[in-house]
Amino acid sequence: MNKIDKFCLLCAQPLHFAPSWQTLLLRCFPPCICEKCKAQFARSTSAMSLYQYNDAMKAFLHQYKFLQDVALAKVFRQELHAHFKQEKAIIIPIPMHPMKQKERTFSHTEELLKAANISFTQLLEKVTVETQSSKNREQRIQSAPLFRLMPKAQVKHKDYLLFDDIKTTGTTLRHAKQVLLEAGARNVRTFTLING
């Protein structure tokens, strides 16, 4: 059973939610942010992401990733769950380098999927510590390989869906996709929470 938040995780205003049989039967998650905060996030017109990057999303990402507020993984759980619930491909979250994950204390992409009750498999390892956000567009496009397949990973003749929190130039997803395709994956698609 999901814990019901009494206050908005973003603005701390009281939440008004009365659980019903409909929410239980439809497997709806109780809200964790208020309608006013939710309205600040701009829905994406792309089929490959849920939201557009804007000021509200910038503030969310800063608090979630850099201030390590893991509770915010729940903010988009209903939307992510609805998007992935019929997915047949194996979902792979974009991994962080182990040193970066130790610094941040959690994998932001994995926590988003866990909060939405989405199963995933980790088949990739990040080989560079440097983040793409520290590079300009040209440096991102020209960067060396970012990932490798985990030892003993079997990817041949399978379909995959790579998931990341945000897409800016697409370099991170392109590198991960290339590793899987070169290892024999049948099909690799990508999806992000945010299109930057």
N, C-alpha and C. Protein backbone atom coordinates (compact mmCIF):
# COMPACT_ATOMS: atom_id res chain seq x y z
N MET A 1 0.85 -1.18 0.00
CA MET A 1 0.00 0.00 0.00
C MET A 1 0.89 1.24 0.00
N ASN A 2 0.55 2.21 -0.82
CA ASN A 2 1.32 3.44 -0.90
C ASN A 2 0.99 4.36 0.26
N LYS A 3 2.04 4.98 0.79
CA LYS A 3 1.85 5.96 1.85
C LYS A 3 1.16 7.18 1.25
N ILE A 4 0.17 7.70 1.94
CA ILE A 4 -0.54 8.87 1.45
C ILE A 4 0.09 10.12 2.05
N ASP A 5 0.59 10.99 1.17
CA ASP A 5 1.19 12.24 1.62
C ASP A 5 0.08 13.20 2.03
N LYS A 6 0.28 13.91 3.12
CA LYS A 6 -0.72 14.87 3.60
C LYS A 6 -0.44 16.27 3.08
N PHE A 7 0.80 16.49 2.62
CA PHE A 7 1.18 17.81 2.13
C PHE A 7 1.89 17.67 0.79
N CYS A 8 1.74 18.67 -0.06
CA CYS A 8 2.39 18.70 -1.37
C CYS A 8 3.90 18.64 -1.17
N LEU A 9 4.56 17.74 -1.89
CA LEU A 9 6.01 17.59 -1.77
C LEU A 9 6.78 18.79 -2.32
N LEU A 10 6.12 19.63 -3.12
CA LEU A 10 6.80 20.77 -3.72
C LEU A 10 6.54 22.09 -3.00
N CYS A 11 5.29 22.33 -2.57
CA CYS A 11 4.98 23.62 -1.94
C CYS A 11 4.51 23.50 -0.49
N ALA A 12 4.32 22.28 0.00
CA ALA A 12 3.92 22.00 1.38
C ALA A 12 2.48 22.40 1.73
N GLN A 13 1.67 22.71 0.72
CA GLN A 13 0.25 22.99 0.96
C GLN A 13 -0.45 21.67 1.29
N PRO A 14 -1.51 21.71 2.12
CA PRO A 14 -2.24 20.47 2.44
C PRO A 14 -2.85 19.84 1.18
N LEU A 15 -2.78 18.52 1.12
CA LEU A 15 -3.40 17.78 0.02
C LEU A 15 -4.76 17.27 0.48
N HIS A 16 -5.72 17.34 -0.40
CA HIS A 16 -7.06 16.86 -0.08
C HIS A 16 -7.33 15.64 -0.96
N PHE A 17 -7.22 14.46 -0.35
CA PHE A 17 -7.41 13.22 -1.10
C PHE A 17 -8.19 12.25 -0.24
N ALA A 18 -9.27 11.76 -0.80
CA ALA A 18 -10.08 10.75 -0.11
C ALA A 18 -9.99 9.47 -0.93
N PRO A 19 -9.30 8.45 -0.43
CA PRO A 19 -9.20 7.20 -1.18
C PRO A 19 -10.59 6.63 -1.47
N SER A 20 -10.73 6.09 -2.66
CA SER A 20 -12.01 5.49 -3.05
C SER A 20 -11.76 4.11 -3.62
N TRP A 21 -12.84 3.35 -3.80
CA TRP A 21 -12.71 2.04 -4.43
C TRP A 21 -12.19 2.17 -5.84
N GLN A 22 -12.59 3.24 -6.52
CA GLN A 22 -12.13 3.45 -7.89
C GLN A 22 -10.61 3.60 -7.94
N THR A 23 -10.05 4.36 -7.01
CA THR A 23 -8.59 4.53 -7.03
C THR A 23 -7.88 3.23 -6.69
N LEU A 24 -8.49 2.42 -5.83
CA LEU A 24 -7.90 1.12 -5.50
C LEU A 24 -7.99 0.15 -6.66
N LEU A 25 -9.17 0.06 -7.28
CA LEU A 25 -9.37 -0.88 -8.39
C LEU A 25 -8.58 -0.50 -9.63
N LEU A 26 -8.46 0.79 -9.89
CA LEU A 26 -7.72 1.24 -11.07
C LEU A 26 -6.22 1.38 -10.79
N ARG A 27 -5.82 1.01 -9.58
CA ARG A 27 -4.41 1.07 -9.17
C ARG A 27 -3.83 2.47 -9.33
N CYS A 28 -4.62 3.45 -8.94
CA CYS A 28 -4.15 4.84 -8.99
C CYS A 28 -3.29 5.13 -7.77
N PHE A 29 -2.28 5.92 -7.97
CA PHE A 29 -1.44 6.35 -6.86
C PHE A 29 -2.09 7.57 -6.22
N PRO A 30 -2.03 7.68 -4.91
CA PRO A 30 -2.55 8.90 -4.28
C PRO A 30 -1.67 10.09 -4.69
N PRO A 31 -2.25 11.28 -4.79
CA PRO A 31 -1.44 12.43 -5.20
C PRO A 31 -0.38 12.77 -4.15
N CYS A 32 0.73 13.29 -4.63
CA CYS A 32 1.79 13.73 -3.71
C CYS A 32 2.15 15.18 -3.96
N ILE A 33 1.53 15.78 -4.99
CA ILE A 33 1.68 17.22 -5.22
C ILE A 33 0.30 17.79 -5.47
N CYS A 34 0.16 19.08 -5.21
CA CYS A 34 -1.14 19.73 -5.40
C CYS A 34 -1.38 20.04 -6.88
N GLU A 35 -2.62 20.35 -7.21
CA GLU A 35 -2.99 20.65 -8.59
C GLU A 35 -2.27 21.90 -9.10
N LYS A 36 -2.06 22.88 -8.23
CA LYS A 36 -1.38 24.11 -8.64
C LYS A 36 0.06 23.81 -9.08
N CYS A 37 0.76 23.01 -8.31
CA CYS A 37 2.14 22.64 -8.68
C CYS A 37 2.15 21.77 -9.93
N LYS A 38 1.23 20.83 -10.00
CA LYS A 38 1.16 19.94 -11.16
C LYS A 38 0.93 20.72 -12.45
N ALA A 39 0.11 21.78 -12.38
CA ALA A 39 -0.21 22.59 -13.56
C ALA A 39 1.00 23.36 -14.09
N GLN A 40 2.04 23.50 -13.28
CA GLN A 40 3.23 24.24 -13.72
C GLN A 40 4.11 23.42 -14.67
N PHE A 41 3.93 22.11 -14.69
CA PHE A 41 4.72 21.26 -15.58
C PHE A 41 4.05 21.19 -16.95
N ALA A 42 4.81 21.48 -18.00
CA ALA A 42 4.26 21.51 -19.36
C ALA A 42 4.35 20.13 -20.00
N ARG A 43 3.21 19.59 -20.41
CA ARG A 43 3.18 18.29 -21.08
C ARG A 43 3.90 18.39 -22.43
N SER A 44 4.56 17.32 -22.81
CA SER A 44 5.30 17.27 -24.06
C SER A 44 4.37 16.90 -25.21
N THR A 45 4.69 17.40 -26.39
CA THR A 45 3.96 17.00 -27.59
C THR A 45 4.65 15.82 -28.27
N SER A 46 5.82 15.45 -27.77
CA SER A 46 6.57 14.33 -28.33
C SER A 46 6.06 13.01 -27.76
N ALA A 47 6.07 11.99 -28.59
CA ALA A 47 5.68 10.65 -28.13
C ALA A 47 6.80 9.99 -27.34
N MET A 48 7.97 10.61 -27.31
CA MET A 48 9.13 10.01 -26.64
C MET A 48 9.44 10.64 -25.29
N SER A 49 8.56 11.50 -24.79
CA SER A 49 8.73 12.08 -23.45
C SER A 49 7.37 12.53 -22.93
N LEU A 50 7.30 12.67 -21.60
CA LEU A 50 6.04 13.10 -20.98
C LEU A 50 5.94 14.61 -20.83
N TYR A 51 7.06 15.26 -20.52
CA TYR A 51 7.03 16.69 -20.21
C TYR A 51 8.10 17.46 -20.97
N GLN A 52 7.87 18.77 -21.09
CA GLN A 52 8.84 19.70 -21.65
C GLN A 52 9.62 20.33 -20.50
N TYR A 53 10.85 20.68 -20.77
CA TYR A 53 11.67 21.37 -19.78
C TYR A 53 11.18 22.81 -19.66
N ASN A 54 10.93 23.26 -18.44
CA ASN A 54 10.55 24.65 -18.17
C ASN A 54 11.08 25.02 -16.78
N ASP A 55 10.73 26.19 -16.29
CA ASP A 55 11.25 26.64 -14.99
C ASP A 55 10.82 25.72 -13.85
N ALA A 56 9.58 25.25 -13.88
CA ALA A 56 9.10 24.34 -12.83
C ALA A 56 9.88 23.03 -12.86
N MET A 57 10.17 22.53 -14.06
CA MET A 57 10.91 21.28 -14.19
C MET A 57 12.37 21.48 -13.77
N LYS A 58 12.92 22.64 -14.08
CA LYS A 58 14.29 22.96 -13.66
C LYS A 58 14.39 22.92 -12.13
N ALA A 59 13.42 23.52 -11.46
CA ALA A 59 13.41 23.53 -9.99
C ALA A 59 13.22 22.11 -9.44
N PHE A 60 12.34 21.33 -10.08
CA PHE A 60 12.12 19.95 -9.67
C PHE A 60 13.42 19.15 -9.77
N LEU A 61 14.08 19.21 -10.94
CA LEU A 61 15.31 18.45 -11.15
C LEU A 61 16.40 18.85 -10.16
N HIS A 62 16.50 20.13 -9.89
CA HIS A 62 17.52 20.60 -8.93
C HIS A 62 17.26 19.99 -7.55
N GLN A 63 16.03 20.06 -7.10
CA GLN A 63 15.72 19.52 -5.77
C GLN A 63 15.85 18.00 -5.74
N TYR A 64 15.38 17.34 -6.80
CA TYR A 64 15.40 15.87 -6.85
C TYR A 64 16.82 15.33 -6.97
N LYS A 65 17.56 15.79 -7.96
CA LYS A 65 18.87 15.21 -8.24
C LYS A 65 20.00 15.82 -7.41
N PHE A 66 20.04 17.12 -7.33
CA PHE A 66 21.21 17.77 -6.73
C PHE A 66 21.06 18.00 -5.23
N LEU A 67 19.82 18.19 -4.77
CA LEU A 67 19.60 18.29 -3.33
C LEU A 67 19.22 16.93 -2.74
N GLN A 68 19.21 15.91 -3.59
CA GLN A 68 19.01 14.50 -3.20
C GLN A 68 17.69 14.25 -2.47
N ASP A 69 16.63 14.86 -2.97
CA ASP A 69 15.31 14.68 -2.37
C ASP A 69 14.61 13.51 -3.05
N VAL A 70 14.97 12.29 -2.66
CA VAL A 70 14.48 11.07 -3.31
C VAL A 70 12.97 10.92 -3.22
N ALA A 71 12.33 11.55 -2.24
CA ALA A 71 10.87 11.48 -2.13
C ALA A 71 10.19 12.03 -3.37
N LEU A 72 10.86 12.92 -4.10
CA LEU A 72 10.27 13.51 -5.31
C LEU A 72 10.17 12.51 -6.46
N ALA A 73 10.75 11.35 -6.32
CA ALA A 73 10.59 10.32 -7.36
C ALA A 73 9.12 9.98 -7.56
N LYS A 74 8.30 10.22 -6.55
CA LYS A 74 6.87 9.90 -6.62
C LYS A 74 6.05 10.90 -7.44
N VAL A 75 6.59 12.08 -7.72
CA VAL A 75 5.82 13.15 -8.34
C VAL A 75 5.18 12.72 -9.67
N PHE A 76 5.89 11.98 -10.49
CA PHE A 76 5.38 11.59 -11.81
C PHE A 76 5.04 10.11 -11.91
N ARG A 77 4.87 9.44 -10.78
CA ARG A 77 4.65 7.98 -10.79
C ARG A 77 3.39 7.57 -11.52
N GLN A 78 2.30 8.33 -11.39
CA GLN A 78 1.06 7.96 -12.06
C GLN A 78 1.23 8.01 -13.58
N GLU A 79 1.84 9.07 -14.07
CA GLU A 79 2.05 9.24 -15.51
C GLU A 79 3.02 8.20 -16.06
N LEU A 80 4.10 7.94 -15.32
CA LEU A 80 5.05 6.92 -15.77
C LEU A 80 4.42 5.53 -15.76
N HIS A 81 3.68 5.23 -14.72
CA HIS A 81 3.01 3.93 -14.64
C HIS A 81 2.04 3.75 -15.80
N ALA A 82 1.25 4.76 -16.09
CA ALA A 82 0.29 4.69 -17.19
C ALA A 82 1.01 4.49 -18.53
N HIS A 83 2.15 5.16 -18.69
CA HIS A 83 2.88 5.04 -19.96
C HIS A 83 3.50 3.65 -20.13
N PHE A 84 4.07 3.10 -19.07
CA PHE A 84 4.82 1.85 -19.17
C PHE A 84 4.01 0.58 -18.91
N LYS A 85 2.78 0.69 -18.42
CA LYS A 85 2.08 -0.52 -17.95
C LYS A 85 1.85 -1.57 -19.04
N GLN A 86 1.74 -1.18 -20.30
CA GLN A 86 1.55 -2.13 -21.39
C GLN A 86 2.84 -2.44 -22.14
N GLU A 87 3.94 -1.93 -21.68
CA GLU A 87 5.22 -2.07 -22.38
C GLU A 87 5.70 -3.52 -22.37
N LYS A 88 6.04 -4.03 -23.56
CA LYS A 88 6.53 -5.41 -23.70
C LYS A 88 8.06 -5.48 -23.73
N ALA A 89 8.70 -4.39 -24.13
CA ALA A 89 10.16 -4.38 -24.21
C ALA A 89 10.76 -4.37 -22.80
N ILE A 90 12.00 -4.80 -22.71
CA ILE A 90 12.73 -4.78 -21.44
C ILE A 90 13.18 -3.34 -21.19
N ILE A 91 12.81 -2.80 -20.06
CA ILE A 91 13.13 -1.41 -19.74
C ILE A 91 14.49 -1.34 -19.05
N ILE A 92 15.33 -0.45 -19.57
CA ILE A 92 16.67 -0.25 -19.02
C ILE A 92 16.82 1.22 -18.64
N PRO A 93 16.97 1.52 -17.36
CA PRO A 93 17.24 2.91 -16.98
C PRO A 93 18.68 3.28 -17.31
N ILE A 94 18.89 4.50 -17.75
CA ILE A 94 20.26 4.95 -18.01
C ILE A 94 21.00 4.98 -16.67
N PRO A 95 22.13 4.27 -16.59
CA PRO A 95 22.85 4.19 -15.30
C PRO A 95 23.74 5.40 -15.05
N MET A 96 24.07 5.57 -13.80
CA MET A 96 25.05 6.58 -13.39
C MET A 96 26.38 5.86 -13.17
N HIS A 97 27.46 6.60 -13.25
CA HIS A 97 28.76 6.04 -12.90
C HIS A 97 28.72 5.74 -11.39
N PRO A 98 29.31 4.61 -10.94
CA PRO A 98 29.26 4.26 -9.51
C PRO A 98 29.74 5.38 -8.58
N MET A 99 30.77 6.12 -8.99
CA MET A 99 31.25 7.23 -8.14
C MET A 99 30.20 8.33 -8.04
N LYS A 100 29.54 8.63 -9.15
CA LYS A 100 28.51 9.67 -9.16
C LYS A 100 27.29 9.22 -8.34
N GLN A 101 26.96 7.93 -8.44
CA GLN A 101 25.82 7.42 -7.67
C GLN A 101 26.13 7.46 -6.17
N LYS A 102 27.35 7.15 -5.81
CA LYS A 102 27.73 7.21 -4.40
C LYS A 102 27.63 8.65 -3.89
N GLU A 103 28.02 9.59 -4.73
CA GLU A 103 27.95 11.02 -4.38
C GLU A 103 26.49 11.47 -4.22
N ARG A 104 25.61 11.03 -5.13
CA ARG A 104 24.20 11.44 -5.10
C ARG A 104 23.37 10.58 -4.16
N THR A 105 23.84 9.41 -3.82
CA THR A 105 23.21 8.44 -2.89
C THR A 105 22.10 7.61 -3.51
N PHE A 106 21.64 7.91 -4.70
CA PHE A 106 20.62 7.09 -5.35
C PHE A 106 20.67 7.30 -6.86
N SER A 107 20.16 6.33 -7.60
CA SER A 107 20.06 6.45 -9.05
C SER A 107 18.72 7.10 -9.37
N HIS A 108 18.75 8.30 -9.90
CA HIS A 108 17.51 9.05 -10.13
C HIS A 108 16.59 8.37 -11.14
N THR A 109 17.14 7.73 -12.17
CA THR A 109 16.27 7.06 -13.15
C THR A 109 15.65 5.80 -12.56
N GLU A 110 16.42 5.04 -11.80
CA GLU A 110 15.87 3.84 -11.17
C GLU A 110 14.80 4.19 -10.15
N GLU A 111 15.01 5.24 -9.38
CA GLU A 111 14.02 5.64 -8.36
C GLU A 111 12.71 6.09 -9.00
N LEU A 112 12.77 6.76 -10.15
CA LEU A 112 11.55 7.14 -10.85
C LEU A 112 10.75 5.90 -11.24
N LEU A 113 11.43 4.88 -11.75
CA LEU A 113 10.76 3.64 -12.15
C LEU A 113 10.23 2.87 -10.94
N LYS A 114 11.02 2.81 -9.88
CA LYS A 114 10.57 2.11 -8.66
C LYS A 114 9.32 2.77 -8.09
N ALA A 115 9.30 4.09 -8.05
CA ALA A 115 8.15 4.82 -7.50
C ALA A 115 6.88 4.52 -8.30
N ALA A 116 7.04 4.26 -9.60
CA ALA A 116 5.90 3.97 -10.47
C ALA A 116 5.60 2.47 -10.57
N ASN A 117 6.28 1.66 -9.77
CA ASN A 117 6.12 0.20 -9.79
C ASN A 117 6.36 -0.39 -11.19
N ILE A 118 7.43 0.07 -11.83
CA ILE A 118 7.80 -0.41 -13.16
C ILE A 118 9.03 -1.30 -13.02
N SER A 119 8.94 -2.55 -13.53
CA SER A 119 10.12 -3.42 -13.48
C SER A 119 11.12 -3.00 -14.54
N PHE A 120 12.37 -3.17 -14.20
CA PHE A 120 13.44 -2.82 -15.12
C PHE A 120 14.62 -3.75 -14.90
N THR A 121 15.54 -3.74 -15.86
CA THR A 121 16.75 -4.54 -15.80
C THR A 121 17.92 -3.62 -16.10
N GLN A 122 19.00 -3.75 -15.35
CA GLN A 122 20.17 -2.94 -15.63
C GLN A 122 21.19 -3.79 -16.38
N LEU A 123 21.46 -3.44 -17.62
CA LEU A 123 22.40 -4.18 -18.46
C LEU A 123 23.60 -3.34 -18.87
N LEU A 124 23.59 -2.06 -18.52
CA LEU A 124 24.65 -1.15 -18.93
C LEU A 124 25.41 -0.62 -17.73
N GLU A 125 26.68 -0.30 -17.98
CA GLU A 125 27.52 0.36 -16.97
C GLU A 125 28.03 1.66 -17.56
N LYS A 126 28.01 2.71 -16.78
CA LYS A 126 28.57 4.00 -17.22
C LYS A 126 30.07 3.93 -17.03
N VAL A 127 30.83 4.31 -18.05
CA VAL A 127 32.29 4.20 -17.98
C VAL A 127 32.98 5.54 -17.77
N THR A 128 32.25 6.64 -17.88
CA THR A 128 32.84 7.96 -17.65
C THR A 128 32.16 8.61 -16.45
N VAL A 129 32.95 9.27 -15.63
CA VAL A 129 32.42 9.95 -14.44
C VAL A 129 31.78 11.28 -14.83
N GLU A 130 32.35 11.93 -15.83
CA GLU A 130 31.88 13.25 -16.25
C GLU A 130 30.44 13.17 -16.76
N THR A 131 29.63 14.14 -16.35
CA THR A 131 28.24 14.17 -16.81
C THR A 131 28.13 14.96 -18.11
N GLN A 132 27.11 14.64 -18.89
CA GLN A 132 26.88 15.36 -20.14
C GLN A 132 26.48 16.81 -19.87
N SER A 133 25.84 17.07 -18.75
CA SER A 133 25.38 18.43 -18.45
C SER A 133 26.54 19.41 -18.27
N SER A 134 27.74 18.90 -18.02
CA SER A 134 28.90 19.78 -17.86
C SER A 134 29.55 20.14 -19.20
N LYS A 135 29.02 19.59 -20.30
CA LYS A 135 29.59 19.83 -21.63
C LYS A 135 28.66 20.68 -22.48
N ASN A 136 29.25 21.38 -23.47
CA ASN A 136 28.41 22.11 -24.42
C ASN A 136 27.92 21.13 -25.49
N ARG A 137 27.07 21.60 -26.37
CA ARG A 137 26.44 20.74 -27.37
C ARG A 137 27.49 20.01 -28.23
N GLU A 138 28.48 20.74 -28.71
CA GLU A 138 29.50 20.14 -29.57
C GLU A 138 30.30 19.07 -28.82
N GLN A 139 30.67 19.35 -27.58
CA GLN A 139 31.41 18.37 -26.77
C GLN A 139 30.58 17.12 -26.52
N ARG A 140 29.29 17.28 -26.31
CA ARG A 140 28.41 16.12 -26.08
C ARG A 140 28.37 15.22 -27.31
N ILE A 141 28.23 15.84 -28.47
CA ILE A 141 28.12 15.07 -29.71
C ILE A 141 29.43 14.34 -30.01
N GLN A 142 30.58 14.95 -29.69
CA GLN A 142 31.88 14.36 -29.98
C GLN A 142 32.42 13.46 -28.88
N SER A 143 31.68 13.27 -27.80
CA SER A 143 32.22 12.53 -26.64
C SER A 143 32.50 11.06 -26.94
N ALA A 144 33.47 10.53 -26.21
CA ALA A 144 33.85 9.11 -26.32
C ALA A 144 32.72 8.24 -25.80
N PRO A 145 32.76 6.92 -26.06
CA PRO A 145 31.70 6.04 -25.57
C PRO A 145 31.45 6.23 -24.07
N LEU A 146 30.18 6.28 -23.71
CA LEU A 146 29.79 6.54 -22.33
C LEU A 146 29.45 5.28 -21.55
N PHE A 147 29.11 4.19 -22.27
CA PHE A 147 28.61 2.97 -21.62
C PHE A 147 29.28 1.73 -22.17
N ARG A 148 29.16 0.66 -21.41
CA ARG A 148 29.54 -0.67 -21.88
C ARG A 148 28.49 -1.64 -21.34
N LEU A 149 28.42 -2.79 -21.97
CA LEU A 149 27.52 -3.84 -21.51
C LEU A 149 28.06 -4.45 -20.23
N MET A 150 27.20 -4.76 -19.29
CA MET A 150 27.63 -5.41 -18.05
C MET A 150 28.13 -6.82 -18.38
N PRO A 151 29.09 -7.32 -17.61
CA PRO A 151 29.57 -8.68 -17.85
C PRO A 151 28.41 -9.68 -17.81
N LYS A 152 28.44 -10.63 -18.70
CA LYS A 152 27.45 -11.72 -18.80
C LYS A 152 26.06 -11.26 -19.24
N ALA A 153 25.92 -10.01 -19.66
CA ALA A 153 24.61 -9.54 -20.14
C ALA A 153 24.31 -10.18 -21.50
N GLN A 154 23.12 -10.73 -21.64
CA GLN A 154 22.68 -11.36 -22.88
C GLN A 154 21.59 -10.48 -23.50
N VAL A 155 21.89 -9.83 -24.60
CA VAL A 155 20.92 -8.90 -25.19
C VAL A 155 20.43 -9.30 -26.58
N LYS A 156 21.02 -10.33 -27.16
CA LYS A 156 20.69 -10.70 -28.54
C LYS A 156 19.22 -11.04 -28.72
N HIS A 157 18.68 -10.54 -29.84
CA HIS A 157 17.32 -10.85 -30.30
C HIS A 157 16.23 -10.44 -29.31
N LYS A 158 16.47 -9.39 -28.55
CA LYS A 158 15.48 -8.90 -27.60
C LYS A 158 15.18 -7.43 -27.88
N ASP A 159 14.02 -6.97 -27.42
CA ASP A 159 13.60 -5.58 -27.58
C ASP A 159 13.81 -4.82 -26.27
N TYR A 160 14.32 -3.59 -26.39
CA TYR A 160 14.63 -2.79 -25.21
C TYR A 160 14.05 -1.39 -25.32
N LEU A 161 13.79 -0.82 -24.16
CA LEU A 161 13.37 0.57 -24.07
C LEU A 161 14.28 1.25 -23.05
N LEU A 162 15.10 2.17 -23.52
CA LEU A 162 15.99 2.93 -22.64
C LEU A 162 15.21 4.07 -22.02
N PHE A 163 15.39 4.27 -20.71
CA PHE A 163 14.68 5.34 -20.01
C PHE A 163 15.68 6.27 -19.32
N ASP A 164 15.48 7.57 -19.52
CA ASP A 164 16.30 8.57 -18.83
C ASP A 164 15.38 9.68 -18.32
N ASP A 165 15.91 10.48 -17.40
CA ASP A 165 15.08 11.55 -16.85
C ASP A 165 14.90 12.69 -17.85
N ILE A 166 15.98 13.07 -18.54
CA ILE A 166 15.88 14.21 -19.46
C ILE A 166 16.72 13.98 -20.71
N LYS A 167 16.20 14.44 -21.83
CA LYS A 167 16.93 14.39 -23.10
C LYS A 167 17.21 15.83 -23.53
N THR A 168 18.48 16.14 -23.76
CA THR A 168 18.82 17.46 -24.29
C THR A 168 19.29 17.28 -25.73
N THR A 169 20.54 16.86 -25.94
CA THR A 169 21.01 16.62 -27.31
C THR A 169 20.73 15.19 -27.76
N GLY A 170 20.45 14.29 -26.84
CA GLY A 170 20.22 12.89 -27.18
C GLY A 170 21.48 12.04 -27.17
N THR A 171 22.63 12.63 -26.85
CA THR A 171 23.90 11.91 -26.88
C THR A 171 23.92 10.73 -25.93
N THR A 172 23.46 10.90 -24.71
CA THR A 172 23.46 9.82 -23.72
C THR A 172 22.65 8.63 -24.24
N LEU A 173 21.45 8.89 -24.70
CA LEU A 173 20.59 7.81 -25.20
C LEU A 173 21.17 7.17 -26.46
N ARG A 174 21.75 7.99 -27.33
CA ARG A 174 22.35 7.47 -28.57
C ARG A 174 23.51 6.52 -28.26
N HIS A 175 24.36 6.89 -27.31
CA HIS A 175 25.49 6.03 -26.92
C HIS A 175 25.00 4.71 -26.32
N ALA A 176 24.02 4.78 -25.43
CA ALA A 176 23.49 3.56 -24.80
C ALA A 176 22.83 2.66 -25.85
N LYS A 177 22.09 3.26 -26.75
CA LYS A 177 21.41 2.50 -27.81
C LYS A 177 22.43 1.79 -28.70
N GLN A 178 23.50 2.49 -29.04
CA GLN A 178 24.54 1.91 -29.89
C GLN A 178 25.17 0.67 -29.24
N VAL A 179 25.44 0.73 -27.94
CA VAL A 179 26.03 -0.41 -27.23
C VAL A 179 25.11 -1.63 -27.33
N LEU A 180 23.82 -1.43 -27.11
CA LEU A 180 22.86 -2.54 -27.17
C LEU A 180 22.71 -3.10 -28.58
N LEU A 181 22.64 -2.23 -29.57
CA LEU A 181 22.50 -2.69 -30.96
C LEU A 181 23.75 -3.44 -31.42
N GLU A 182 24.92 -2.95 -31.06
CA GLU A 182 26.16 -3.63 -31.44
C GLU A 182 26.29 -4.99 -30.76
N ALA A 183 25.63 -5.17 -29.62
CA ALA A 183 25.66 -6.45 -28.91
C ALA A 183 24.58 -7.41 -29.41
N GLY A 184 23.77 -6.97 -30.38
CA GLY A 184 22.79 -7.87 -30.98
C GLY A 184 21.34 -7.66 -30.60
N ALA A 185 21.03 -6.55 -29.93
CA ALA A 185 19.63 -6.28 -29.59
C ALA A 185 18.82 -6.17 -30.88
N ARG A 186 17.59 -6.67 -30.85
CA ARG A 186 16.73 -6.63 -32.04
C ARG A 186 16.21 -5.21 -32.29
N ASN A 187 15.77 -4.56 -31.22
CA ASN A 187 15.19 -3.23 -31.36
C ASN A 187 15.45 -2.45 -30.06
N VAL A 188 15.81 -1.18 -30.19
CA VAL A 188 16.04 -0.34 -29.02
C VAL A 188 15.33 0.99 -29.24
N ARG A 189 14.38 1.29 -28.37
CA ARG A 189 13.67 2.57 -28.39
C ARG A 189 14.10 3.37 -27.17
N THR A 190 13.76 4.65 -27.17
CA THR A 190 14.11 5.51 -26.04
C THR A 190 12.88 6.27 -25.55
N PHE A 191 12.90 6.60 -24.26
CA PHE A 191 11.82 7.39 -23.66
C PHE A 191 12.39 8.16 -22.49
N THR A 192 11.96 9.41 -22.35
CA THR A 192 12.41 10.24 -21.24
C THR A 192 11.23 10.88 -20.53
N LEU A 193 11.44 11.21 -19.28
CA LEU A 193 10.44 11.95 -18.54
C LEU A 193 10.32 13.36 -19.12
N ILE A 194 11.47 13.96 -19.44
CA ILE A 194 11.51 15.36 -19.86
C ILE A 194 12.25 15.50 -21.19
N ASN A 195 11.70 16.32 -22.07
CA ASN A 195 12.38 16.68 -23.31
C ASN A 195 12.93 18.09 -23.11
N GLY A 196 14.28 18.19 -23.10
CA GLY A 196 14.90 19.48 -22.83
C GLY A 196 15.22 20.22 -24.07
